[in-house]
C-alpha atoms as a PDB file:
ATOM      1  CA  UNK A   1      43.702 -40.588 -82.912  1.00  0.00           C
ATOM      2  CA  UNK A   2      39.957 -43.233 -83.719  1.00  0.00           C
ATOM      3  CA  UNK A   3      40.313 -43.726 -86.857  1.00  0.00           C
ATOM      4  CA  UNK A   4      42.550 -46.564 -87.791  1.00  0.00           C
ATOM      5  CA  UNK A   5      43.374 -49.072 -91.453  1.00  0.00           C
ATOM      6  CA  UNK A   6      45.643 -52.133 -91.933  1.00  0.00           C
ATOM      7  CA  UNK A   7      49.246 -51.361 -93.472  1.00  0.00           C
ATOM      8  CA  UNK A   8      48.492 -51.421 -97.328  1.00  0.00           C
ATOM      9  CA  UNK A   9      49.971 -54.665 -98.245  1.00  0.00           C
ATOM     10  CA  UNK A  10      49.535 -56.864 -95.648  1.00  0.00           C
ATOM     11  CA  UNK A  11      47.527 -59.689 -96.164  1.00  0.00           C
ATOM     12  CA  UNK A  12      47.322 -61.166 -92.517  1.00  0.00           C
ATOM     13  CA  UNK A  13      47.922 -64.462 -93.229  1.00  0.00           C
ATOM     14  CA  UNK A  14      47.636 -66.275 -89.620  1.00  0.00           C
ATOM     15  CA  UNK A  15      47.568 -69.178 -87.938  1.00  0.00           C
ATOM     16  CA  UNK A  16      45.419 -70.191 -85.130  1.00  0.00           C
ATOM     17  CA  UNK A  17      45.949 -72.515 -81.697  1.00  0.00           C
ATOM     18  CA  UNK A  18      45.104 -72.132 -78.379  1.00  0.00           C
ATOM     19  CA  UNK A  19      43.488 -68.569 -78.216  1.00  0.00           C
ATOM     20  CA  UNK A  20      47.203 -68.176 -79.940  1.00  0.00           C
ATOM     21  CA  UNK A  21      47.909 -66.239 -83.246  1.00  0.00           C
ATOM     22  CA  UNK A  22      51.250 -66.259 -85.375  1.00  0.00           C
ATOM     23  CA  UNK A  23      50.972 -63.337 -88.338  1.00  0.00           C
ATOM     24  CA  UNK A  24      53.174 -63.058 -91.107  1.00  0.00           C
ATOM     25  CA  UNK A  25      53.719 -59.357 -91.675  1.00  0.00           C
ATOM     26  CA  UNK A  26      54.521 -58.895 -95.231  1.00  0.00           C
ATOM     27  CA  UNK A  27      56.077 -55.933 -95.231  1.00  0.00           C
ATOM     28  CA  UNK A  28      59.353 -56.672 -92.752  1.00  0.00           C
ATOM     29  CA  UNK A  29      58.861 -60.293 -93.337  1.00  0.00           C
ATOM     30  CA  UNK A  30      58.428 -60.415 -88.792  1.00  0.00           C
ATOM     31  CA  UNK A  31      56.075 -62.774 -87.748  1.00  0.00           C
ATOM     32  CA  UNK A  32      54.708 -61.831 -84.477  1.00  0.00           C
ATOM     33  CA  UNK A  33      52.440 -64.143 -82.033  1.00  0.00           C
ATOM     34  CA  UNK A  34      48.676 -62.628 -80.922  1.00  0.00           C
ATOM     35  CA  UNK A  35      45.715 -63.272 -78.971  1.00  0.00           C
ATOM     36  CA  UNK A  36      42.422 -63.857 -80.829  1.00  0.00           C
ATOM     37  CA  UNK A  37      41.610 -59.756 -79.256  1.00  0.00           C
ATOM     38  CA  UNK A  38      44.840 -59.068 -81.202  1.00  0.00           C
ATOM     39  CA  UNK A  39      43.941 -60.783 -84.869  1.00  0.00           C
ATOM     40  CA  UNK A  40      39.650 -60.342 -84.334  1.00  0.00           C
ATOM     41  CA  UNK A  41      40.672 -57.187 -84.354  1.00  0.00           C
ATOM     42  CA  UNK A  42      43.000 -56.992 -87.574  1.00  0.00           C
ATOM     43  CA  UNK A  43      40.516 -59.043 -89.456  1.00  0.00           C
ATOM     44  CA  UNK A  44      37.850 -56.639 -88.064  1.00  0.00           C
ATOM     45  CA  UNK A  45      39.644 -53.912 -89.236  1.00  0.00           C
ATOM     46  CA  UNK A  46      40.743 -54.984 -92.360  1.00  0.00           C
ATOM     47  CA  UNK A  47      37.166 -56.224 -93.491  1.00  0.00           C
ATOM     48  CA  UNK A  48      35.827 -52.548 -92.442  1.00  0.00           C
ATOM     49  CA  UNK A  49      33.793 -53.694 -89.713  1.00  0.00           C
ATOM     50  CA  UNK A  50      35.150 -51.156 -87.500  1.00  0.00           C
ATOM     51  CA  UNK A  51      33.987 -47.570 -87.380  1.00  0.00           C
ATOM     52  CA  UNK A  52      35.795 -44.515 -86.133  1.00  0.00           C
ATOM     53  CA  UNK A  53      33.516 -44.584 -83.646  1.00  0.00           C
ATOM     54  CA  UNK A  54      34.196 -48.349 -82.393  1.00  0.00           C
ATOM     55  CA  UNK A  55      37.934 -47.929 -82.501  1.00  0.00           C
ATOM     56  CA  UNK A  56      37.601 -44.761 -79.710  1.00  0.00           C
ATOM     57  CA  UNK A  57      36.687 -47.449 -76.625  1.00  0.00           C
ATOM     58  CA  UNK A  58      39.812 -45.961 -74.573  1.00  0.00           C
ATOM     59  CA  UNK A  59      40.122 -49.634 -73.383  1.00  0.00           C
ATOM     60  CA  UNK A  60      41.631 -49.759 -77.252  1.00  0.00           C
ATOM     61  CA  UNK A  61      43.854 -48.014 -77.016  1.00  0.00           C
ATOM     62  CA  UNK A  62      46.968 -49.829 -75.774  1.00  0.00           C
ATOM     63  CA  UNK A  63      45.974 -52.831 -78.142  1.00  0.00           C
ATOM     64  CA  UNK A  64      46.314 -49.788 -81.099  1.00  0.00           C
ATOM     65  CA  UNK A  65      49.184 -48.912 -80.130  1.00  0.00           C
ATOM     66  CA  UNK A  66      50.945 -52.462 -80.601  1.00  0.00           C
ATOM     67  CA  UNK A  67      49.867 -53.118 -83.450  1.00  0.00           C
ATOM     68  CA  UNK A  68      51.107 -49.643 -84.325  1.00  0.00           C
ATOM     69  CA  UNK A  69      54.430 -50.550 -83.431  1.00  0.00           C
ATOM     70  CA  UNK A  70      54.397 -53.508 -85.081  1.00  0.00           C
ATOM     71  CA  UNK A  71      53.824 -51.675 -88.607  1.00  0.00           C
ATOM     72  CA  UNK A  72      50.512 -53.844 -89.298  1.00  0.00           C
ATOM     73  CA  UNK A  73      47.973 -50.482 -88.933  1.00  0.00           C
ATOM     74  CA  UNK A  74      48.504 -46.548 -89.650  1.00  0.00           C
ATOM     75  CA  UNK A  75      46.181 -44.078 -89.210  1.00  0.00           C
ATOM     76  CA  UNK A  76      43.878 -43.387 -91.347  1.00  0.00           C
END
């Protein structure tokens, strides 16, 4: 699936250092350690900077699936 969105209710509260981000999941109460690429993807999704064409890149599928499993994104 090429269309994704941030799960409603996620504020994407995070802190970054040394190429790593710690992100708080508002819905589950869990914290997740992400790399800069994953955080950048989440923030770009939140800000509407990525379209379906951008997300159709097969190289992104593992990252998108990982973020979906963390309940941070969902199919749009």
